[in-house]
C-alpha atoms as a PDB file:
ATOM      1  CA  UNK A   1      31.546  52.021 -50.677  1.00  0.00           C
ATOM      2  CA  UNK A   2      30.540  50.806 -54.161  1.00  0.00           C
ATOM      3  CA  UNK A   3      32.566  48.329 -56.213  1.00  0.00           C
ATOM      4  CA  UNK A   4      33.280  51.037 -58.777  1.00  0.00           C
ATOM      5  CA  UNK A   5      34.690  53.307 -56.089  1.00  0.00           C
ATOM      6  CA  UNK A   6      36.787  50.425 -54.690  1.00  0.00           C
ATOM      7  CA  UNK A   7      38.325  49.925 -58.118  1.00  0.00           C
ATOM      8  CA  UNK A   8      39.230  53.615 -58.360  1.00  0.00           C
ATOM      9  CA  UNK A   9      41.052  53.889 -55.033  1.00  0.00           C
ATOM     10  CA  UNK A  10      44.467  52.563 -56.195  1.00  0.00           C
ATOM     11  CA  UNK A  11      44.330  54.765 -59.305  1.00  0.00           C
ATOM     12  CA  UNK A  12      43.414  57.831 -57.270  1.00  0.00           C
ATOM     13  CA  UNK A  13      46.233  57.179 -54.843  1.00  0.00           C
ATOM     14  CA  UNK A  14      48.786  56.774 -57.620  1.00  0.00           C
ATOM     15  CA  UNK A  15      47.682  59.992 -59.323  1.00  0.00           C
ATOM     16  CA  UNK A  16      47.532  61.904 -56.050  1.00  0.00           C
ATOM     17  CA  UNK A  17      51.160  61.022 -55.370  1.00  0.00           C
ATOM     18  CA  UNK A  18      52.136  62.301 -58.796  1.00  0.00           C
ATOM     19  CA  UNK A  19      50.041  65.446 -58.350  1.00  0.00           C
ATOM     20  CA  UNK A  20      51.717  66.218 -55.042  1.00  0.00           C
ATOM     21  CA  UNK A  21      55.166  65.851 -56.589  1.00  0.00           C
ATOM     22  CA  UNK A  22      54.325  67.908 -59.659  1.00  0.00           C
ATOM     23  CA  UNK A  23      52.554  70.758 -57.851  1.00  0.00           C
ATOM     24  CA  UNK A  24      55.361  71.247 -55.304  1.00  0.00           C
ATOM     25  CA  UNK A  25      52.798  72.731 -53.016  1.00  0.00           C
ATOM     26  CA  UNK A  26      52.783  71.744 -49.350  1.00  0.00           C
ATOM     27  CA  UNK A  27      49.060  72.285 -49.026  1.00  0.00           C
ATOM     28  CA  UNK A  28      48.229  70.199 -52.094  1.00  0.00           C
ATOM     29  CA  UNK A  29      50.599  67.490 -50.886  1.00  0.00           C
ATOM     30  CA  UNK A  30      49.014  67.421 -47.443  1.00  0.00           C
ATOM     31  CA  UNK A  31      45.344  67.542 -48.444  1.00  0.00           C
ATOM     32  CA  UNK A  32      45.248  66.001 -51.916  1.00  0.00           C
ATOM     33  CA  UNK A  33      42.228  68.233 -52.663  1.00  0.00           C
ATOM     34  CA  UNK A  34      40.261  67.978 -55.896  1.00  0.00           C
ATOM     35  CA  UNK A  35      41.046  71.640 -56.634  1.00  0.00           C
ATOM     36  CA  UNK A  36      44.784  70.970 -56.402  1.00  0.00           C
ATOM     37  CA  UNK A  37      44.490  67.961 -58.679  1.00  0.00           C
ATOM     38  CA  UNK A  38      42.470  69.919 -61.233  1.00  0.00           C
ATOM     39  CA  UNK A  39      45.002  72.766 -61.235  1.00  0.00           C
ATOM     40  CA  UNK A  40      47.920  70.526 -62.177  1.00  0.00           C
ATOM     41  CA  UNK A  41      46.031  68.052 -64.375  1.00  0.00           C
ATOM     42  CA  UNK A  42      47.162  69.619 -67.639  1.00  0.00           C
ATOM     43  CA  UNK A  43      50.761  70.202 -66.563  1.00  0.00           C
ATOM     44  CA  UNK A  44      53.605  67.945 -67.674  1.00  0.00           C
ATOM     45  CA  UNK A  45      55.043  66.047 -64.727  1.00  0.00           C
ATOM     46  CA  UNK A  46      58.157  64.150 -63.863  1.00  0.00           C
ATOM     47  CA  UNK A  47      57.295  60.829 -62.253  1.00  0.00           C
ATOM     48  CA  UNK A  48      60.643  59.130 -61.963  1.00  0.00           C
ATOM     49  CA  UNK A  49      60.239  58.806 -58.205  1.00  0.00           C
ATOM     50  CA  UNK A  50      56.471  58.925 -57.896  1.00  0.00           C
ATOM     51  CA  UNK A  51      55.081  56.181 -55.705  1.00  0.00           C
ATOM     52  CA  UNK A  52      58.503  55.239 -54.395  1.00  0.00           C
ATOM     53  CA  UNK A  53      59.413  53.307 -57.530  1.00  0.00           C
ATOM     54  CA  UNK A  54      62.346  51.029 -57.010  1.00  0.00           C
ATOM     55  CA  UNK A  55      64.424  50.535 -60.164  1.00  0.00           C
ATOM     56  CA  UNK A  56      67.278  48.060 -60.023  1.00  0.00           C
ATOM     57  CA  UNK A  57      68.731  46.684 -63.234  1.00  0.00           C
ATOM     58  CA  UNK A  58      65.453  47.390 -64.994  1.00  0.00           C
ATOM     59  CA  UNK A  59      63.160  46.131 -62.217  1.00  0.00           C
ATOM     60  CA  UNK A  60      60.434  48.612 -61.265  1.00  0.00           C
ATOM     61  CA  UNK A  61      58.472  47.976 -58.082  1.00  0.00           C
ATOM     62  CA  UNK A  62      56.349  51.007 -57.195  1.00  0.00           C
ATOM     63  CA  UNK A  63      53.213  49.111 -56.177  1.00  0.00           C
ATOM     64  CA  UNK A  64      52.748  47.088 -52.988  1.00  0.00           C
ATOM     65  CA  UNK A  65      52.204  43.972 -55.103  1.00  0.00           C
ATOM     66  CA  UNK A  66      55.485  44.297 -56.974  1.00  0.00           C
ATOM     67  CA  UNK A  67      57.391  45.257 -53.834  1.00  0.00           C
ATOM     68  CA  UNK A  68      56.264  41.932 -52.394  1.00  0.00           C
ATOM     69  CA  UNK A  69      57.479  40.201 -55.558  1.00  0.00           C
ATOM     70  CA  UNK A  70      60.802  42.047 -55.272  1.00  0.00           C
ATOM     71  CA  UNK A  71      61.257  40.809 -51.711  1.00  0.00           C
ATOM     72  CA  UNK A  72      60.681  37.239 -52.858  1.00  0.00           C
ATOM     73  CA  UNK A  73      63.092  37.690 -55.764  1.00  0.00           C
ATOM     74  CA  UNK A  74      65.810  38.854 -53.371  1.00  0.00           C
ATOM     75  CA  UNK A  75      65.252  35.824 -51.134  1.00  0.00           C
ATOM     76  CA  UNK A  76      65.013  33.348 -53.995  1.00  0.00           C
ATOM     77  CA  UNK A  77      67.997  34.724 -55.940  1.00  0.00           C
ATOM     78  CA  UNK A  78      70.516  33.210 -53.537  1.00  0.00           C
ATOM     79  CA  UNK A  79      69.170  29.691 -54.062  1.00  0.00           C
ATOM     80  CA  UNK A  80      69.687  27.209 -56.867  1.00  0.00           C
ATOM     81  CA  UNK A  81      66.174  25.731 -56.629  1.00  0.00           C
ATOM     82  CA  UNK A  82      63.910  25.990 -59.692  1.00  0.00           C
ATOM     83  CA  UNK A  83      61.514  28.935 -59.851  1.00  0.00           C
ATOM     84  CA  UNK A  84      58.129  28.947 -61.580  1.00  0.00           C
ATOM     85  CA  UNK A  85      56.773  32.376 -62.551  1.00  0.00           C
ATOM     86  CA  UNK A  86      53.097  32.747 -63.424  1.00  0.00           C
ATOM     87  CA  UNK A  87      51.192  35.684 -64.850  1.00  0.00           C
ATOM     88  CA  UNK A  88      49.400  37.003 -67.894  1.00  0.00           C
ATOM     89  CA  UNK A  89      51.174  37.440 -71.204  1.00  0.00           C
ATOM     90  CA  UNK A  90      53.134  40.688 -71.251  1.00  0.00           C
ATOM     91  CA  UNK A  91      52.996  41.217 -67.468  1.00  0.00           C
ATOM     92  CA  UNK A  92      56.791  41.182 -67.066  1.00  0.00           C
ATOM     93  CA  UNK A  93      57.685  37.581 -66.245  1.00  0.00           C
ATOM     94  CA  UNK A  94      61.002  37.707 -68.120  1.00  0.00           C
ATOM     95  CA  UNK A  95      62.001  40.862 -66.219  1.00  0.00           C
ATOM     96  CA  UNK A  96      61.463  38.935 -62.975  1.00  0.00           C
ATOM     97  CA  UNK A  97      63.442  35.981 -64.308  1.00  0.00           C
ATOM     98  CA  UNK A  98      66.302  38.249 -65.320  1.00  0.00           C
ATOM     99  CA  UNK A  99      66.323  39.855 -61.869  1.00  0.00           C
ATOM    100  CA  UNK A 100      66.614  36.399 -60.302  1.00  0.00           C
ATOM    101  CA  UNK A 101      69.773  35.918 -62.367  1.00  0.00           C
ATOM    102  CA  UNK A 102      71.216  39.419 -61.970  1.00  0.00           C
ATOM    103  CA  UNK A 103      70.748  39.464 -58.185  1.00  0.00           C
ATOM    104  CA  UNK A 104      72.178  35.958 -57.709  1.00  0.00           C
ATOM    105  CA  UNK A 105      75.681  34.556 -57.161  1.00  0.00           C
ATOM    106  CA  UNK A 106      75.394  33.328 -60.765  1.00  0.00           C
ATOM    107  CA  UNK A 107      75.173  36.842 -62.202  1.00  0.00           C
ATOM    108  CA  UNK A 108      78.609  36.535 -63.849  1.00  0.00           C
ATOM    109  CA  UNK A 109      77.544  33.280 -65.503  1.00  0.00           C
ATOM    110  CA  UNK A 110      75.571  32.932 -68.746  1.00  0.00           C
ATOM    111  CA  UNK A 111      71.940  33.905 -69.118  1.00  0.00           C
ATOM    112  CA  UNK A 112      70.165  31.753 -71.715  1.00  0.00           C
ATOM    113  CA  UNK A 113      66.509  32.322 -72.613  1.00  0.00           C
ATOM    114  CA  UNK A 114      64.438  29.828 -74.607  1.00  0.00           C
ATOM    115  CA  UNK A 115      60.780  30.188 -75.588  1.00  0.00           C
ATOM    116  CA  UNK A 116      59.471  26.629 -75.417  1.00  0.00           C
ATOM    117  CA  UNK A 117      56.228  27.625 -77.091  1.00  0.00           C
ATOM    118  CA  UNK A 118      58.005  29.002 -80.175  1.00  0.00           C
ATOM    119  CA  UNK A 119      60.200  25.955 -80.903  1.00  0.00           C
ATOM    120  CA  UNK A 120      59.021  23.445 -83.532  1.00  0.00           C
ATOM    121  CA  UNK A 121      58.498  20.025 -81.997  1.00  0.00           C
ATOM    122  CA  UNK A 122      61.105  18.560 -84.341  1.00  0.00           C
ATOM    123  CA  UNK A 123      63.812  20.943 -83.105  1.00  0.00           C
ATOM    124  CA  UNK A 124      63.066  21.382 -79.418  1.00  0.00           C
ATOM    125  CA  UNK A 125      65.121  18.382 -78.264  1.00  0.00           C
ATOM    126  CA  UNK A 126      68.235  19.587 -80.037  1.00  0.00           C
ATOM    127  CA  UNK A 127      67.663  23.175 -78.863  1.00  0.00           C
ATOM    128  CA  UNK A 128      67.447  22.179 -75.206  1.00  0.00           C
ATOM    129  CA  UNK A 129      69.740  19.176 -74.967  1.00  0.00           C
ATOM    130  CA  UNK A 130      72.098  19.536 -77.952  1.00  0.00           C
ATOM    131  CA  UNK A 131      73.143  17.016 -80.570  1.00  0.00           C
ATOM    132  CA  UNK A 132      76.152  15.133 -81.883  1.00  0.00           C
ATOM    133  CA  UNK A 133      77.407  15.266 -85.435  1.00  0.00           C
ATOM    134  CA  UNK A 134      75.233  13.134 -87.696  1.00  0.00           C
ATOM    135  CA  UNK A 135      72.437  12.809 -85.133  1.00  0.00           C
ATOM    136  CA  UNK A 136      69.927  13.823 -87.815  1.00  0.00           C
ATOM    137  CA  UNK A 137      69.876  15.128 -91.360  1.00  0.00           C
ATOM    138  CA  UNK A 138      71.700  18.428 -91.456  1.00  0.00           C
ATOM    139  CA  UNK A 139      73.620  17.915 -88.199  1.00  0.00           C
ATOM    140  CA  UNK A 140      77.028  18.541 -89.779  1.00  0.00           C
ATOM    141  CA  UNK A 141      78.643  19.195 -86.406  1.00  0.00           C
ATOM    142  CA  UNK A 142      78.058  18.775 -82.688  1.00  0.00           C
ATOM    143  CA  UNK A 143      76.163  21.518 -80.861  1.00  0.00           C
ATOM    144  CA  UNK A 144      75.574  22.293 -77.213  1.00  0.00           C
ATOM    145  CA  UNK A 145      71.970  22.662 -76.157  1.00  0.00           C
ATOM    146  CA  UNK A 146      70.550  25.395 -73.930  1.00  0.00           C
ATOM    147  CA  UNK A 147      71.253  23.455 -70.727  1.00  0.00           C
ATOM    148  CA  UNK A 148      74.955  23.166 -71.541  1.00  0.00           C
ATOM    149  CA  UNK A 149      75.143  26.758 -72.772  1.00  0.00           C
ATOM    150  CA  UNK A 150      73.678  27.968 -69.469  1.00  0.00           C
ATOM    151  CA  UNK A 151      75.944  25.851 -67.263  1.00  0.00           C
ATOM    152  CA  UNK A 152      77.247  28.003 -64.430  1.00  0.00           C
ATOM    153  CA  UNK A 153      74.412  30.469 -64.939  1.00  0.00           C
ATOM    154  CA  UNK A 154      70.644  30.579 -65.474  1.00  0.00           C
ATOM    155  CA  UNK A 155      68.379  28.957 -68.052  1.00  0.00           C
ATOM    156  CA  UNK A 156      65.067  30.773 -68.537  1.00  0.00           C
ATOM    157  CA  UNK A 157      62.468  28.490 -70.087  1.00  0.00           C
ATOM    158  CA  UNK A 158      59.520  30.625 -71.134  1.00  0.00           C
ATOM    159  CA  UNK A 159      56.035  29.268 -71.875  1.00  0.00           C
ATOM    160  CA  UNK A 160      56.853  25.948 -70.240  1.00  0.00           C
ATOM    161  CA  UNK A 161      53.140  25.137 -70.255  1.00  0.00           C
ATOM    162  CA  UNK A 162      53.265  24.736 -74.048  1.00  0.00           C
ATOM    163  CA  UNK A 163      55.670  21.768 -73.925  1.00  0.00           C
ATOM    164  CA  UNK A 164      54.293  18.454 -75.164  1.00  0.00           C
ATOM    165  CA  UNK A 165      54.162  15.535 -72.743  1.00  0.00           C
ATOM    166  CA  UNK A 166      57.129  13.654 -74.246  1.00  0.00           C
ATOM    167  CA  UNK A 167      59.369  16.664 -73.800  1.00  0.00           C
ATOM    168  CA  UNK A 168      58.066  17.148 -70.263  1.00  0.00           C
ATOM    169  CA  UNK A 169      59.238  13.606 -69.454  1.00  0.00           C
ATOM    170  CA  UNK A 170      62.726  14.323 -70.823  1.00  0.00           C
ATOM    171  CA  UNK A 171      62.913  17.586 -68.903  1.00  0.00           C
ATOM    172  CA  UNK A 172      61.949  15.753 -65.723  1.00  0.00           C
ATOM    173  CA  UNK A 173      64.836  13.319 -66.196  1.00  0.00           C
ATOM    174  CA  UNK A 174      67.261  16.228 -66.490  1.00  0.00           C
ATOM    175  CA  UNK A 175      65.968  17.760 -63.265  1.00  0.00           C
ATOM    176  CA  UNK A 176      66.298  14.475 -61.402  1.00  0.00           C
ATOM    177  CA  UNK A 177      70.021  14.082 -62.111  1.00  0.00           C
ATOM    178  CA  UNK A 178      71.104  17.421 -63.621  1.00  0.00           C
ATOM    179  CA  UNK A 179      72.540  15.573 -66.588  1.00  0.00           C
ATOM    180  CA  UNK A 180      71.716  15.895 -70.287  1.00  0.00           C
ATOM    181  CA  UNK A 181      72.158  13.467 -73.134  1.00  0.00           C
ATOM    182  CA  UNK A 182      72.704  15.057 -76.520  1.00  0.00           C
ATOM    183  CA  UNK A 183      70.812  13.597 -79.454  1.00  0.00           C
ATOM    184  CA  UNK A 184      72.935  10.837 -80.914  1.00  0.00           C
ATOM    185  CA  UNK A 185      75.169  10.581 -77.814  1.00  0.00           C
ATOM    186  CA  UNK A 186      75.807   7.449 -75.768  1.00  0.00           C
ATOM    187  CA  UNK A 187      76.699   9.193 -72.514  1.00  0.00           C
ATOM    188  CA  UNK A 188      75.288  12.010 -70.409  1.00  0.00           C
ATOM    189  CA  UNK A 189      76.943  15.295 -69.479  1.00  0.00           C
ATOM    190  CA  UNK A 190      76.554  17.047 -66.103  1.00  0.00           C
ATOM    191  CA  UNK A 191      75.114  20.568 -66.092  1.00  0.00           C
ATOM    192  CA  UNK A 192      75.191  23.201 -63.349  1.00  0.00           C
ATOM    193  CA  UNK A 193      72.126  25.302 -64.104  1.00  0.00           C
ATOM    194  CA  UNK A 194      69.631  27.419 -62.210  1.00  0.00           C
ATOM    195  CA  UNK A 195      66.311  26.795 -63.991  1.00  0.00           C
ATOM    196  CA  UNK A 196      63.657  29.523 -64.085  1.00  0.00           C
ATOM    197  CA  UNK A 197      60.405  28.768 -65.901  1.00  0.00           C
ATOM    198  CA  UNK A 198      57.442  30.950 -66.793  1.00  0.00           C
ATOM    199  CA  UNK A 199      53.923  30.362 -68.052  1.00  0.00           C
ATOM    200  CA  UNK A 200      50.698  32.256 -68.638  1.00  0.00           C
ATOM    201  CA  UNK A 201      48.696  29.080 -68.040  1.00  0.00           C
ATOM    202  CA  UNK A 202      47.245  27.737 -64.794  1.00  0.00           C
ATOM    203  CA  UNK A 203      49.462  24.669 -64.549  1.00  0.00           C
ATOM    204  CA  UNK A 204      47.387  23.135 -61.745  1.00  0.00           C
ATOM    205  CA  UNK A 205      44.425  23.167 -64.099  1.00  0.00           C
ATOM    206  CA  UNK A 206      46.599  21.751 -66.878  1.00  0.00           C
ATOM    207  CA  UNK A 207      47.657  18.940 -64.545  1.00  0.00           C
ATOM    208  CA  UNK A 208      44.007  18.165 -63.753  1.00  0.00           C
ATOM    209  CA  UNK A 209      43.247  18.022 -67.488  1.00  0.00           C
ATOM    210  CA  UNK A 210      46.161  15.680 -68.171  1.00  0.00           C
ATOM    211  CA  UNK A 211      48.092  18.229 -70.224  1.00  0.00           C
ATOM    212  CA  UNK A 212      50.953  18.751 -67.786  1.00  0.00           C
ATOM    213  CA  UNK A 213      52.799  16.191 -65.704  1.00  0.00           C
ATOM    214  CA  UNK A 214      52.103  16.479 -61.997  1.00  0.00           C
ATOM    215  CA  UNK A 215      55.591  15.262 -61.033  1.00  0.00           C
ATOM    216  CA  UNK A 216      57.199  17.885 -63.292  1.00  0.00           C
ATOM    217  CA  UNK A 217      54.935  20.598 -61.877  1.00  0.00           C
ATOM    218  CA  UNK A 218      56.196  19.978 -58.352  1.00  0.00           C
ATOM    219  CA  UNK A 219      59.794  19.855 -59.579  1.00  0.00           C
ATOM    220  CA  UNK A 220      59.428  23.263 -61.196  1.00  0.00           C
ATOM    221  CA  UNK A 221      57.241  24.913 -58.561  1.00  0.00           C
ATOM    222  CA  UNK A 222      59.658  24.743 -55.639  1.00  0.00           C
ATOM    223  CA  UNK A 223      59.776  28.544 -55.532  1.00  0.00           C
ATOM    224  CA  UNK A 224      56.563  30.012 -57.008  1.00  0.00           C
ATOM    225  CA  UNK A 225      56.179  33.649 -58.065  1.00  0.00           C
ATOM    226  CA  UNK A 226      53.171  35.435 -59.530  1.00  0.00           C
ATOM    227  CA  UNK A 227      53.300  38.685 -61.500  1.00  0.00           C
ATOM    228  CA  UNK A 228      49.993  40.590 -61.148  1.00  0.00           C
ATOM    229  CA  UNK A 229      48.446  42.117 -64.290  1.00  0.00           C
ATOM    230  CA  UNK A 230      49.229  45.766 -64.910  1.00  0.00           C
ATOM    231  CA  UNK A 231      45.605  46.860 -64.388  1.00  0.00           C
ATOM    232  CA  UNK A 232      45.928  45.883 -60.717  1.00  0.00           C
ATOM    233  CA  UNK A 233      49.014  48.029 -60.053  1.00  0.00           C
ATOM    234  CA  UNK A 234      48.591  51.643 -61.227  1.00  0.00           C
ATOM    235  CA  UNK A 235      51.688  52.769 -59.306  1.00  0.00           C
ATOM    236  CA  UNK A 236      53.801  50.577 -61.584  1.00  0.00           C
ATOM    237  CA  UNK A 237      51.920  51.810 -64.632  1.00  0.00           C
ATOM    238  CA  UNK A 238      52.845  55.389 -63.796  1.00  0.00           C
ATOM    239  CA  UNK A 239      56.528  54.580 -63.282  1.00  0.00           C
ATOM    240  CA  UNK A 240      56.711  52.390 -66.383  1.00  0.00           C
ATOM    241  CA  UNK A 241      55.043  55.057 -68.529  1.00  0.00           C
ATOM    242  CA  UNK A 242      57.794  57.520 -67.613  1.00  0.00           C
ATOM    243  CA  UNK A 243      60.440  54.911 -68.356  1.00  0.00           C
ATOM    244  CA  UNK A 244      59.021  54.347 -71.836  1.00  0.00           C
ATOM    245  CA  UNK A 245      58.914  58.093 -72.453  1.00  0.00           C
ATOM    246  CA  UNK A 246      62.567  58.338 -71.411  1.00  0.00           C
ATOM    247  CA  UNK A 247      63.549  55.410 -73.642  1.00  0.00           C
ATOM    248  CA  UNK A 248      62.529  57.220 -76.825  1.00  0.00           C
ATOM    249  CA  UNK A 249      64.069  60.575 -75.887  1.00  0.00           C
ATOM    250  CA  UNK A 250      67.061  60.116 -78.256  1.00  0.00           C
ATOM    251  CA  UNK A 251      64.692  59.489 -81.180  1.00  0.00           C
ATOM    252  CA  UNK A 252      61.766  61.872 -80.632  1.00  0.00           C
ATOM    253  CA  UNK A 253      63.114  64.344 -78.087  1.00  0.00           C
ATOM    254  CA  UNK A 254      62.024  65.095 -74.529  1.00  0.00           C
ATOM    255  CA  UNK A 255      58.430  64.211 -73.712  1.00  0.00           C
ATOM    256  CA  UNK A 256      56.424  64.562 -70.494  1.00  0.00           C
ATOM    257  CA  UNK A 257      53.033  63.091 -69.652  1.00  0.00           C
ATOM    258  CA  UNK A 258      50.345  65.273 -68.102  1.00  0.00           C
ATOM    259  CA  UNK A 259      48.345  64.052 -65.127  1.00  0.00           C
ATOM    260  CA  UNK A 260      45.302  63.873 -67.372  1.00  0.00           C
ATOM    261  CA  UNK A 261      47.266  61.605 -69.722  1.00  0.00           C
ATOM    262  CA  UNK A 262      48.265  59.401 -66.795  1.00  0.00           C
ATOM    263  CA  UNK A 263      44.629  59.172 -65.725  1.00  0.00           C
ATOM    264  CA  UNK A 264      43.673  57.970 -69.209  1.00  0.00           C
ATOM    265  CA  UNK A 265      46.388  55.331 -69.035  1.00  0.00           C
ATOM    266  CA  UNK A 266      45.287  54.194 -65.567  1.00  0.00           C
ATOM    267  CA  UNK A 267      41.676  53.872 -66.723  1.00  0.00           C
ATOM    268  CA  UNK A 268      42.582  51.562 -69.623  1.00  0.00           C
ATOM    269  CA  UNK A 269      42.509  47.811 -68.743  1.00  0.00           C
ATOM    270  CA  UNK A 270      45.648  46.984 -70.790  1.00  0.00           C
ATOM    271  CA  UNK A 271      44.912  43.352 -71.662  1.00  0.00           C
ATOM    272  CA  UNK A 272      48.367  43.280 -73.265  1.00  0.00           C
ATOM    273  CA  UNK A 273      49.900  44.482 -69.982  1.00  0.00           C
ATOM    274  CA  UNK A 274      53.358  46.081 -70.094  1.00  0.00           C
ATOM    275  CA  UNK A 275      53.916  45.385 -73.781  1.00  0.00           C
ATOM    276  CA  UNK A 276      50.698  47.189 -74.670  1.00  0.00           C
ATOM    277  CA  UNK A 277      51.539  50.091 -72.366  1.00  0.00           C
ATOM    278  CA  UNK A 278      54.911  50.531 -74.086  1.00  0.00           C
ATOM    279  CA  UNK A 279      53.279  50.596 -77.511  1.00  0.00           C
ATOM    280  CA  UNK A 280      50.619  53.112 -76.451  1.00  0.00           C
ATOM    281  CA  UNK A 281      53.029  55.466 -74.658  1.00  0.00           C
ATOM    282  CA  UNK A 282      55.502  55.453 -77.549  1.00  0.00           C
ATOM    283  CA  UNK A 283      52.840  56.175 -80.144  1.00  0.00           C
ATOM    284  CA  UNK A 284      51.261  58.908 -78.010  1.00  0.00           C
ATOM    285  CA  UNK A 285      54.652  60.552 -77.449  1.00  0.00           C
ATOM    286  CA  UNK A 286      55.461  60.412 -81.158  1.00  0.00           C
ATOM    287  CA  UNK A 287      52.129  61.825 -82.304  1.00  0.00           C
ATOM    288  CA  UNK A 288      51.986  64.524 -79.634  1.00  0.00           C
ATOM    289  CA  UNK A 289      54.356  66.604 -81.756  1.00  0.00           C
ATOM    290  CA  UNK A 290      55.342  68.639 -78.707  1.00  0.00           C
ATOM    291  CA  UNK A 291      57.053  68.218 -75.356  1.00  0.00           C
ATOM    292  CA  UNK A 292      53.741  67.669 -73.543  1.00  0.00           C
ATOM    293  CA  UNK A 293      51.847  64.406 -74.067  1.00  0.00           C
ATOM    294  CA  UNK A 294      48.176  65.113 -73.390  1.00  0.00           C
ATOM    295  CA  UNK A 295      45.205  62.901 -72.635  1.00  0.00           C
ATOM    296  CA  UNK A 296      44.032  63.483 -76.205  1.00  0.00           C
ATOM    297  CA  UNK A 297      47.303  62.059 -77.519  1.00  0.00           C
ATOM    298  CA  UNK A 298      46.849  58.972 -75.339  1.00  0.00           C
ATOM    299  CA  UNK A 299      43.230  58.571 -76.518  1.00  0.00           C
ATOM    300  CA  UNK A 300      44.404  58.823 -80.125  1.00  0.00           C
ATOM    301  CA  UNK A 301      47.117  56.209 -79.597  1.00  0.00           C
ATOM    302  CA  UNK A 302      44.680  53.820 -77.895  1.00  0.00           C
ATOM    303  CA  UNK A 303      42.177  54.281 -80.711  1.00  0.00           C
ATOM    304  CA  UNK A 304      44.791  53.732 -83.435  1.00  0.00           C
ATOM    305  CA  UNK A 305      46.258  50.613 -81.908  1.00  0.00           C
ATOM    306  CA  UNK A 306      42.787  49.221 -81.166  1.00  0.00           C
ATOM    307  CA  UNK A 307      41.316  50.067 -84.581  1.00  0.00           C
ATOM    308  CA  UNK A 308      44.291  49.318 -86.833  1.00  0.00           C
ATOM    309  CA  UNK A 309      44.748  45.814 -85.443  1.00  0.00           C
ATOM    310  CA  UNK A 310      41.199  44.751 -84.661  1.00  0.00           C
ATOM    311  CA  UNK A 311      40.350  41.329 -86.068  1.00  0.00           C
ATOM    312  CA  UNK A 312      37.494  41.609 -88.604  1.00  0.00           C
ATOM    313  CA  UNK A 313      34.196  39.871 -87.898  1.00  0.00           C
END
């Protein structure tokens, strides 16, 4: 079997499951024939349960890869140990982190999310660890940092691979004693936090290059999780596409994707992963102008998003 055919097998299986559900024909369901697929290709379909999608508090796991992730999340949720989630940008790492919180004994506690890569270096200390009044210009009052705010719950530290080395050293000290010292304070404060971190970088490679502390890596990576890119899990793509169609129902009305439209979506590599899929499905549903979202509408949405935001040169 050729490499091209190998790549098509998961897509074909995902679409065959949808075709069988949509056709409601025992023969088509049993044989999965090309004729049956062609007959229903232009029909709108409901895919809420296609592929055995498991939706729990926003977590969709229709593919074998994401079902394996879901099993790990259920096992890891009961523990307090730090979790490190890897995966491409937009693949759904924060959804996994939120599930770890929602399925844990800490679910009634606070959920605090901080994007370490988006914080200016001059503010990141105060954002994470807090500050006392007068600790710096403009500090007119004391403020709890993210660790204190999340005490009793979960702190999600996104893009941990973007942290500079000095901050990595301070984070390591917190993890060693589970105590924080606010800027300008003379004493430390205990914190009871479940730390979940995420990164799109290969932290082992960053360690080898001297950009990430090896001791911090092993502190964070006690429970590792990896979120596969969307292009490797067409079953999830199908289920997510229906979710995004349902999300915009109050604004644009009922919309249904045809099997041909789903095939177009499955054939696209989606370098932006789930975020890109959401944008494409929403635009296609809006521009379809009718209940049925066709392959042509998907092609148009892909072309518009690709052309309107292509970097010149």
